[in-house]
Structure formats: C-alpha cells, structure tokens
C-alpha cells in the first residue's frame, strides 16, 4: 500500500511521493488524505527496483498536494499529457 507515502505528503513532510498501485493503493489513500493521485496505465512507468506484488497489475503512481505538481512529476516520469494540445 502507499498509505505511508500519502501520509507523508498530507503532513507536509514532502511535496510529492511515488508509490505502487495494484488494486487501489494510490487512489484510495489519495482520497482519504485529500491529495491528488495518479495511477498510470500499466507499463508506462518502469517497475525497475520495485518488489512485485502482482507483476501483471503493479504500476508506479504519484501522490501530490495539487494538480500542478502532479502534472510536473508525471512529466518528469515521461508520462504523456492528456487532453487536446
């Protein structure tokens, strides 16, 4: 679960955190802590260095205090931007 990462962001210990999501572990803690959470599609962020839980479902995601920072971190991870450009 990424609840520790969410608690760290929510408490102000850090501006953003990375976590893993297999079955809601980014999205649920984000909602409980009033944060922005992003679970990218599987395979968009490398799982190198991640201890697998369910390799065909695991994905690395982002927790942030606001959407602008979430977008900045997502761009740094090389995630594509959505919407019309």
PDB file of N, CA and C in Angstrom:
ATOM      1  N   UNK A   1       0.834  -1.187   0.000  1.00  0.00           N
ATOM      2  CA  UNK A   1       0.000   0.000   0.000  1.00  0.00           C
ATOM      3  C   UNK A   1       0.878   1.249   0.000  1.00  0.00           C
ATOM      4  N   UNK A   2       0.310   2.323  -0.446  1.00  0.00           N
ATOM      5  CA  UNK A   2       1.033   3.596  -0.476  1.00  0.00           C
ATOM      6  C   UNK A   2       0.482   4.560   0.565  1.00  0.00           C
ATOM      7  N   UNK A   3      -0.113   4.044   1.625  1.00  0.00           N
ATOM      8  CA  UNK A   3      -0.698   4.914   2.640  1.00  0.00           C
ATOM      9  C   UNK A   3       0.378   5.709   3.384  1.00  0.00           C
ATOM     10  N   UNK A   4       1.555   5.139   3.586  1.00  0.00           N
ATOM     11  CA  UNK A   4       2.637   5.879   4.225  1.00  0.00           C
ATOM     12  C   UNK A   4       3.103   7.044   3.373  1.00  0.00           C
ATOM     13  N   UNK A   5       3.192   6.810   2.069  1.00  0.00           N
ATOM     14  CA  UNK A   5       3.569   7.887   1.151  1.00  0.00           C
ATOM     15  C   UNK A   5       2.516   8.990   1.179  1.00  0.00           C
ATOM     16  N   UNK A   6       1.244   8.612   1.194  1.00  0.00           N
ATOM     17  CA  UNK A   6       0.160   9.602   1.236  1.00  0.00           C
ATOM     18  C   UNK A   6       0.200  10.393   2.537  1.00  0.00           C
ATOM     19  N   UNK A   7       0.439   9.719   3.646  1.00  0.00           N
ATOM     20  CA  UNK A   7       0.518  10.404   4.934  1.00  0.00           C
ATOM     21  C   UNK A   7       1.683  11.393   4.966  1.00  0.00           C
ATOM     22  N   UNK A   8       2.798  11.025   4.338  1.00  0.00           N
ATOM     23  CA  UNK A   8       3.960  11.918   4.293  1.00  0.00           C
ATOM     24  C   UNK A   8       3.657  13.189   3.498  1.00  0.00           C
ATOM     25  N   UNK A   9       2.990  13.040   2.379  1.00  0.00           N
ATOM     26  CA  UNK A   9       2.621  14.210   1.573  1.00  0.00           C
ATOM     27  C   UNK A   9       1.587  15.051   2.316  1.00  0.00           C
ATOM     28  N   UNK A  10       0.562  14.411   2.863  1.00  0.00           N
ATOM     29  CA  UNK A  10      -0.506  15.136   3.549  1.00  0.00           C
ATOM     30  C   UNK A  10       0.003  15.901   4.767  1.00  0.00           C
ATOM     31  N   UNK A  11       1.008  15.362   5.450  1.00  0.00           N
ATOM     32  CA  UNK A  11       1.541  16.023   6.646  1.00  0.00           C
ATOM     33  C   UNK A  11       2.544  17.126   6.321  1.00  0.00           C
ATOM     34  N   UNK A  12       2.927  17.246   5.048  1.00  0.00           N
ATOM     35  CA  UNK A  12       3.881  18.277   4.654  1.00  0.00           C
ATOM     36  C   UNK A  12       5.324  17.830   4.735  1.00  0.00           C
ATOM     37  N   UNK A  13       5.564  16.551   5.017  1.00  0.00           N
ATOM     38  CA  UNK A  13       6.933  16.034   5.072  1.00  0.00           C
ATOM     39  C   UNK A  13       7.618  16.117   3.713  1.00  0.00           C
ATOM     40  N   UNK A  14       6.831  16.025   2.645  1.00  0.00           N
ATOM     41  CA  UNK A  14       7.367  16.113   1.284  1.00  0.00           C
ATOM     42  C   UNK A  14       6.269  16.679   0.374  1.00  0.00           C
ATOM     43  N   UNK A  15       6.659  17.151  -0.793  1.00  0.00           N
ATOM     44  CA  UNK A  15       5.706  17.747  -1.726  1.00  0.00           C
ATOM     45  C   UNK A  15       4.972  16.704  -2.554  1.00  0.00           C
ATOM     46  N   UNK A  16       5.650  15.610  -2.851  1.00  0.00           N
ATOM     47  CA  UNK A  16       5.041  14.528  -3.616  1.00  0.00           C
ATOM     48  C   UNK A  16       5.710  13.227  -3.215  1.00  0.00           C
ATOM     49  N   UNK A  17       5.098  12.127  -3.604  1.00  0.00           N
ATOM     50  CA  UNK A  17       5.688  10.817  -3.328  1.00  0.00           C
ATOM     51  C   UNK A  17       5.304   9.860  -4.444  1.00  0.00           C
ATOM     52  N   UNK A  18       6.165   8.886  -4.663  1.00  0.00           N
ATOM     53  CA  UNK A  18       5.857   7.791  -5.576  1.00  0.00           C
ATOM     54  C   UNK A  18       5.380   6.615  -4.742  1.00  0.00           C
ATOM     55  N   UNK A  19       4.514   5.826  -5.317  1.00  0.00           N
ATOM     56  CA  UNK A  19       4.033   4.636  -4.648  1.00  0.00           C
ATOM     57  C   UNK A  19       3.643   3.615  -5.693  1.00  0.00           C
ATOM     58  N   UNK A  20       3.220   2.464  -5.239  1.00  0.00           N
ATOM     59  CA  UNK A  20       2.766   1.442  -6.169  1.00  0.00           C
ATOM     60  C   UNK A  20       1.262   1.230  -6.008  1.00  0.00           C
ATOM     61  N   UNK A  21       0.637   0.852  -7.089  1.00  0.00           N
ATOM     62  CA  UNK A  21      -0.807   0.605  -7.094  1.00  0.00           C
ATOM     63  C   UNK A  21      -1.065  -0.691  -7.836  1.00  0.00           C
ATOM     64  N   UNK A  22      -1.688  -1.613  -7.151  1.00  0.00           N
ATOM     65  CA  UNK A  22      -2.107  -2.871  -7.762  1.00  0.00           C
ATOM     66  C   UNK A  22      -3.627  -2.951  -7.757  1.00  0.00           C
ATOM     67  N   UNK A  23      -4.227  -2.543  -6.642  1.00  0.00           N
ATOM     68  CA  UNK A  23      -5.673  -2.613  -6.517  1.00  0.00           C
ATOM     69  C   UNK A  23      -6.264  -1.416  -5.796  1.00  0.00           C
ATOM     70  N   UNK A  24      -5.675  -0.232  -5.994  1.00  0.00           N
ATOM     71  CA  UNK A  24      -6.210   0.976  -5.373  1.00  0.00           C
ATOM     72  C   UNK A  24      -5.265   1.653  -4.406  1.00  0.00           C
ATOM     73  N   UNK A  25      -4.030   1.198  -4.334  1.00  0.00           N
ATOM     74  CA  UNK A  25      -3.105   1.678  -3.312  1.00  0.00           C
ATOM     75  C   UNK A  25      -2.545   3.075  -3.542  1.00  0.00           C
ATOM     76  N   UNK A  26      -2.810   3.680  -4.658  1.00  0.00           N
ATOM     77  CA  UNK A  26      -2.515   5.111  -4.850  1.00  0.00           C
ATOM     78  C   UNK A  26      -3.818   5.891  -4.685  1.00  0.00           C
ATOM     79  N   UNK A  27      -4.836   5.427  -5.358  1.00  0.00           N
ATOM     80  CA  UNK A  27      -6.100   6.169  -5.432  1.00  0.00           C
ATOM     81  C   UNK A  27      -6.835   6.268  -4.112  1.00  0.00           C
ATOM     82  N   UNK A  28      -6.898   5.185  -3.357  1.00  0.00           N
ATOM     83  CA  UNK A  28      -7.646   5.207  -2.092  1.00  0.00           C
ATOM     84  C   UNK A  28      -6.953   6.079  -1.040  1.00  0.00           C
ATOM     85  N   UNK A  29      -5.645   5.897  -0.765  1.00  0.00           N
ATOM     86  CA  UNK A  29      -5.002   6.799   0.198  1.00  0.00           C
ATOM     87  C   UNK A  29      -5.047   8.270  -0.247  1.00  0.00           C
ATOM     88  N   UNK A  30      -4.959   8.518  -1.535  1.00  0.00           N
ATOM     89  CA  UNK A  30      -5.058   9.901  -2.020  1.00  0.00           C
ATOM     90  C   UNK A  30      -6.407  10.491  -1.631  1.00  0.00           C
ATOM     91  N   UNK A  31      -7.473   9.740  -1.812  1.00  0.00           N
ATOM     92  CA  UNK A  31      -8.795  10.272  -1.480  1.00  0.00           C
ATOM     93  C   UNK A  31      -8.955  10.467   0.025  1.00  0.00           C
ATOM     94  N   UNK A  32      -8.433   9.550   0.825  1.00  0.00           N
ATOM     95  CA  UNK A  32      -8.542   9.690   2.276  1.00  0.00           C
ATOM     96  C   UNK A  32      -7.763  10.885   2.805  1.00  0.00           C
ATOM     97  N   UNK A  33      -6.649  11.213   2.147  1.00  0.00           N
ATOM     98  CA  UNK A  33      -5.774  12.298   2.621  1.00  0.00           C
ATOM     99  C   UNK A  33      -5.996  13.602   1.863  1.00  0.00           C
ATOM    100  N   UNK A  34      -7.020  13.668   1.024  1.00  0.00           N
ATOM    101  CA  UNK A  34      -7.340  14.875   0.245  1.00  0.00           C
ATOM    102  C   UNK A  34      -6.174  15.299  -0.651  1.00  0.00           C
ATOM    103  N   UNK A  35      -5.588  14.313  -1.324  1.00  0.00           N
ATOM    104  CA  UNK A  35      -4.466  14.553  -2.240  1.00  0.00           C
ATOM    105  C   UNK A  35      -4.878  14.233  -3.665  1.00  0.00           C
ATOM    106  N   UNK A  36      -4.002  14.564  -4.580  1.00  0.00           N
ATOM    107  CA  UNK A  36      -4.148  14.151  -5.971  1.00  0.00           C
ATOM    108  C   UNK A  36      -3.345  12.868  -6.147  1.00  0.00           C
ATOM    109  N   UNK A  37      -3.945  11.883  -6.767  1.00  0.00           N
ATOM    110  CA  UNK A  37      -3.260  10.627  -7.011  1.00  0.00           C
ATOM    111  C   UNK A  37      -3.413  10.209  -8.463  1.00  0.00           C
ATOM    112  N   UNK A  38      -2.368   9.652  -9.026  1.00  0.00           N
ATOM    113  CA  UNK A  38      -2.384   9.211 -10.424  1.00  0.00           C
ATOM    114  C   UNK A  38      -1.847   7.794 -10.516  1.00  0.00           C
ATOM    115  N   UNK A  39      -2.660   6.912 -11.074  1.00  0.00           N
ATOM    116  CA  UNK A  39      -2.227   5.549 -11.383  1.00  0.00           C
ATOM    117  C   UNK A  39      -2.147   5.452 -12.901  1.00  0.00           C
ATOM    118  N   UNK A  40      -0.950   5.556 -13.458  1.00  0.00           N
ATOM    119  CA  UNK A  40      -0.809   5.473 -14.916  1.00  0.00           C
ATOM    120  C   UNK A  40      -1.163   4.075 -15.418  1.00  0.00           C
ATOM    121  N   UNK A  41      -1.416   3.984 -16.679  1.00  0.00           N
ATOM    122  CA  UNK A  41      -1.647   2.672 -17.298  1.00  0.00           C
ATOM    123  C   UNK A  41      -0.426   1.793 -17.095  1.00  0.00           C
ATOM    124  N   UNK A  42      -0.664   0.490 -16.995  1.00  0.00           N
ATOM    125  CA  UNK A  42       0.402  -0.465 -16.750  1.00  0.00           C
ATOM    126  C   UNK A  42       1.489  -0.338 -17.814  1.00  0.00           C
ATOM    127  N   UNK A  43       2.734  -0.318 -17.373  1.00  0.00           N
ATOM    128  CA  UNK A  43       3.872  -0.307 -18.277  1.00  0.00           C
ATOM    129  C   UNK A  43       4.388   1.065 -18.660  1.00  0.00           C
ATOM    130  N   UNK A  44       3.675   2.147 -18.302  1.00  0.00           N
ATOM    131  CA  UNK A  44       4.147   3.478 -18.669  1.00  0.00           C
ATOM    132  C   UNK A  44       5.304   3.960 -17.800  1.00  0.00           C
ATOM    133  N   UNK A  45       5.383   3.465 -16.576  1.00  0.00           N
ATOM    134  CA  UNK A  45       6.489   3.805 -15.671  1.00  0.00           C
ATOM    135  C   UNK A  45       7.219   2.502 -15.346  1.00  0.00           C
ATOM    136  N   UNK A  46       8.522   2.533 -15.445  1.00  0.00           N
ATOM    137  CA  UNK A  46       9.333   1.346 -15.187  1.00  0.00           C
ATOM    138  C   UNK A  46       9.113   0.810 -13.776  1.00  0.00           C
ATOM    139  N   UNK A  47       9.080  -0.502 -13.654  1.00  0.00           N
ATOM    140  CA  UNK A  47       8.981  -1.165 -12.356  1.00  0.00           C
ATOM    141  C   UNK A  47      10.351  -1.611 -11.844  1.00  0.00           C
ATOM    142  N   UNK A  48      11.411  -1.141 -12.469  1.00  0.00           N
ATOM    143  CA  UNK A  48      12.767  -1.494 -12.034  1.00  0.00           C
ATOM    144  C   UNK A  48      12.956  -1.083 -10.578  1.00  0.00           C
ATOM    145  N   UNK A  49      13.388  -2.031  -9.752  1.00  0.00           N
ATOM    146  CA  UNK A  49      13.612  -1.759  -8.346  1.00  0.00           C
ATOM    147  C   UNK A  49      12.392  -1.943  -7.459  1.00  0.00           C
ATOM    148  N   UNK A  50      11.258  -2.251  -8.046  1.00  0.00           N
ATOM    149  CA  UNK A  50      10.029  -2.448  -7.276  1.00  0.00           C
ATOM    150  C   UNK A  50       9.885  -3.932  -6.944  1.00  0.00           C
ATOM    151  N   UNK A  51       9.597  -4.227  -5.677  1.00  0.00           N
ATOM    152  CA  UNK A  51       9.331  -5.607  -5.279  1.00  0.00           C
ATOM    153  C   UNK A  51       7.921  -5.944  -5.772  1.00  0.00           C
ATOM    154  N   UNK A  52       7.793  -6.947  -6.623  1.00  0.00           N
ATOM    155  CA  UNK A  52       6.485  -7.205  -7.238  1.00  0.00           C
ATOM    156  C   UNK A  52       5.477  -7.825  -6.269  1.00  0.00           C
ATOM    157  N   UNK A  53       4.239  -7.390  -6.423  1.00  0.00           N
ATOM    158  CA  UNK A  53       3.113  -7.998  -5.727  1.00  0.00           C
ATOM    159  C   UNK A  53       2.341  -8.847  -6.731  1.00  0.00           C
ATOM    160  N   UNK A  54       1.967  -8.212  -7.830  1.00  0.00           N
ATOM    161  CA  UNK A  54       1.305  -8.887  -8.950  1.00  0.00           C
ATOM    162  C   UNK A  54       1.857  -8.238 -10.212  1.00  0.00           C
ATOM    163  N   UNK A  55       2.968  -8.752 -10.750  1.00  0.00           N
ATOM    164  CA  UNK A  55       3.683  -8.086 -11.840  1.00  0.00           C
ATOM    165  C   UNK A  55       2.825  -7.693 -13.039  1.00  0.00           C
ATOM    166  N   UNK A  56       1.760  -8.413 -13.307  1.00  0.00           N
ATOM    167  CA  UNK A  56       0.938  -8.049 -14.453  1.00  0.00           C
ATOM    168  C   UNK A  56      -0.054  -6.937 -14.118  1.00  0.00           C
ATOM    169  N   UNK A  57      -0.115  -6.510 -12.858  1.00  0.00           N
ATOM    170  CA  UNK A  57      -1.031  -5.436 -12.447  1.00  0.00           C
ATOM    171  C   UNK A  57      -0.318  -4.253 -11.794  1.00  0.00           C
ATOM    172  N   UNK A  58       0.848  -4.476 -11.184  1.00  0.00           N
ATOM    173  CA  UNK A  58       1.557  -3.420 -10.464  1.00  0.00           C
ATOM    174  C   UNK A  58       1.895  -2.255 -11.380  1.00  0.00           C
ATOM    175  N   UNK A  59       1.761  -1.056 -10.841  1.00  0.00           N
ATOM    176  CA  UNK A  59       2.198   0.132 -11.563  1.00  0.00           C
ATOM    177  C   UNK A  59       2.674   1.169 -10.553  1.00  0.00           C
ATOM    178  N   UNK A  60       3.626   1.998 -10.966  1.00  0.00           N
ATOM    179  CA  UNK A  60       4.143   3.065 -10.123  1.00  0.00           C
ATOM    180  C   UNK A  60       3.281   4.293 -10.366  1.00  0.00           C
ATOM    181  N   UNK A  61       2.836   4.923  -9.277  1.00  0.00           N
ATOM    182  CA  UNK A  61       1.994   6.108  -9.384  1.00  0.00           C
ATOM    183  C   UNK A  61       2.535   7.249  -8.560  1.00  0.00           C
ATOM    184  N   UNK A  62       1.819   8.367  -8.592  1.00  0.00           N
ATOM    185  CA  UNK A  62       2.254   9.612  -7.955  1.00  0.00           C
ATOM    186  C   UNK A  62       1.171  10.110  -7.008  1.00  0.00           C
ATOM    187  N   UNK A  63       1.585  10.633  -5.873  1.00  0.00           N
ATOM    188  CA  UNK A  63       0.725  11.340  -4.928  1.00  0.00           C
ATOM    189  C   UNK A  63       1.263  12.757  -4.789  1.00  0.00           C
ATOM    190  N   UNK A  64       0.387  13.761  -4.858  1.00  0.00           N
ATOM    191  CA  UNK A  64       0.825  15.150  -4.740  1.00  0.00           C
ATOM    192  C   UNK A  64      -0.263  15.985  -4.083  1.00  0.00           C
ATOM    193  N   UNK A  65       0.121  17.145  -3.580  1.00  0.00           N
ATOM    194  CA  UNK A  65      -0.842  18.022  -2.902  1.00  0.00           C
ATOM    195  C   UNK A  65      -1.727  18.796  -3.864  1.00  0.00           C
ATOM    196  N   UNK A  66      -1.298  18.949  -5.110  1.00  0.00           N
ATOM    197  CA  UNK A  66      -2.137  19.685  -6.061  1.00  0.00           C
ATOM    198  C   UNK A  66      -1.900  19.166  -7.477  1.00  0.00           C
ATOM    199  N   UNK A  67      -2.805  19.537  -8.359  1.00  0.00           N
ATOM    200  CA  UNK A  67      -2.746  19.044  -9.729  1.00  0.00           C
ATOM    201  C   UNK A  67      -1.550  19.536 -10.515  1.00  0.00           C
ATOM    202  N   UNK A  68      -1.134  20.779 -10.251  1.00  0.00           N
ATOM    203  CA  UNK A  68       0.018  21.312 -10.983  1.00  0.00           C
ATOM    204  C   UNK A  68       1.277  20.508 -10.678  1.00  0.00           C
ATOM    205  N   UNK A  69       1.503  20.213  -9.412  1.00  0.00           N
ATOM    206  CA  UNK A  69       2.680  19.433  -9.030  1.00  0.00           C
ATOM    207  C   UNK A  69       2.571  18.008  -9.552  1.00  0.00           C
ATOM    208  N   UNK A  70       1.383  17.434  -9.494  1.00  0.00           N
ATOM    209  CA  UNK A  70       1.169  16.098 -10.043  1.00  0.00           C
ATOM    210  C   UNK A  70       1.557  16.067 -11.520  1.00  0.00           C
ATOM    211  N   UNK A  71       1.155  17.088 -12.271  1.00  0.00           N
ATOM    212  CA  UNK A  71       1.500  17.172 -13.692  1.00  0.00           C
ATOM    213  C   UNK A  71       2.999  17.303 -13.915  1.00  0.00           C
ATOM    214  N   UNK A  72       3.662  18.073 -13.074  1.00  0.00           N
ATOM    215  CA  UNK A  72       5.108  18.250 -13.188  1.00  0.00           C
ATOM    216  C   UNK A  72       5.839  16.929 -12.950  1.00  0.00           C
ATOM    217  N   UNK A  73       5.434  16.207 -11.908  1.00  0.00           N
ATOM    218  CA  UNK A  73       6.070  14.924 -11.602  1.00  0.00           C
ATOM    219  C   UNK A  73       5.769  13.912 -12.703  1.00  0.00           C
ATOM    220  N   UNK A  74       4.536  13.899 -13.173  1.00  0.00           N
ATOM    221  CA  UNK A  74       4.168  12.977 -14.253  1.00  0.00           C
ATOM    222  C   UNK A  74       5.006  13.252 -15.503  1.00  0.00           C
ATOM    223  N   UNK A  75       5.219  14.518 -15.824  1.00  0.00           N
ATOM    224  CA  UNK A  75       6.062  14.861 -16.976  1.00  0.00           C
ATOM    225  C   UNK A  75       7.495  14.403 -16.773  1.00  0.00           C
ATOM    226  N   UNK A  76       8.016  14.565 -15.539  1.00  0.00           N
ATOM    227  CA  UNK A  76       9.379  14.130 -15.247  1.00  0.00           C
ATOM    228  C   UNK A  76       9.525  12.613 -15.397  1.00  0.00           C
ATOM    229  N   UNK A  77       8.443  11.896 -15.142  1.00  0.00           N
ATOM    230  CA  UNK A  77       8.450  10.440 -15.311  1.00  0.00           C
ATOM    231  C   UNK A  77       8.250  10.029 -16.773  1.00  0.00           C
ATOM    232  N   UNK A  78       8.019  11.007 -17.639  1.00  0.00           N
ATOM    233  CA  UNK A  78       7.848  10.728 -19.056  1.00  0.00           C
ATOM    234  C   UNK A  78       6.434  10.302 -19.428  1.00  0.00           C
ATOM    235  N   UNK A  79       5.464  10.588 -18.567  1.00  0.00           N
ATOM    236  CA  UNK A  79       4.090  10.210 -18.884  1.00  0.00           C
ATOM    237  C   UNK A  79       3.506  11.179 -19.907  1.00  0.00           C
ATOM    238  N   UNK A  80       2.722  10.671 -20.837  1.00  0.00           N
ATOM    239  CA  UNK A  80       2.118  11.538 -21.848  1.00  0.00           C
ATOM    240  C   UNK A  80       1.069  12.446 -21.219  1.00  0.00           C
ATOM    241  N   UNK A  81       0.936  13.634 -21.773  1.00  0.00           N
ATOM    242  CA  UNK A  81      -0.097  14.561 -21.306  1.00  0.00           C
ATOM    243  C   UNK A  81      -1.413  14.206 -21.989  1.00  0.00           C
ATOM    244  N   UNK A  82      -2.479  14.289 -21.253  1.00  0.00           N
ATOM    245  CA  UNK A  82      -3.792  14.031 -21.812  1.00  0.00           C
ATOM    246  C   UNK A  82      -4.431  15.293 -22.338  1.00  0.00           C
ATOM    247  N   UNK A  83      -5.573  15.139 -22.969  1.00  0.00           N
ATOM    248  CA  UNK A  83      -6.317  16.294 -23.473  1.00  0.00           C
ATOM    249  C   UNK A  83      -5.862  16.758 -24.819  1.00  0.00           C
ATOM    250  N   UNK A  84      -6.580  17.737 -25.333  1.00  0.00           N
ATOM    251  CA  UNK A  84      -6.264  18.305 -26.655  1.00  0.00           C
ATOM    252  C   UNK A  84      -5.102  19.272 -26.526  1.00  0.00           C
ATOM    253  N   UNK A  85      -4.130  19.128 -27.390  1.00  0.00           N
ATOM    254  CA  UNK A  85      -2.990  20.036 -27.385  1.00  0.00           C
ATOM    255  C   UNK A  85      -2.775  20.592 -28.763  1.00  0.00           C
TER     256      UNK A  85
END
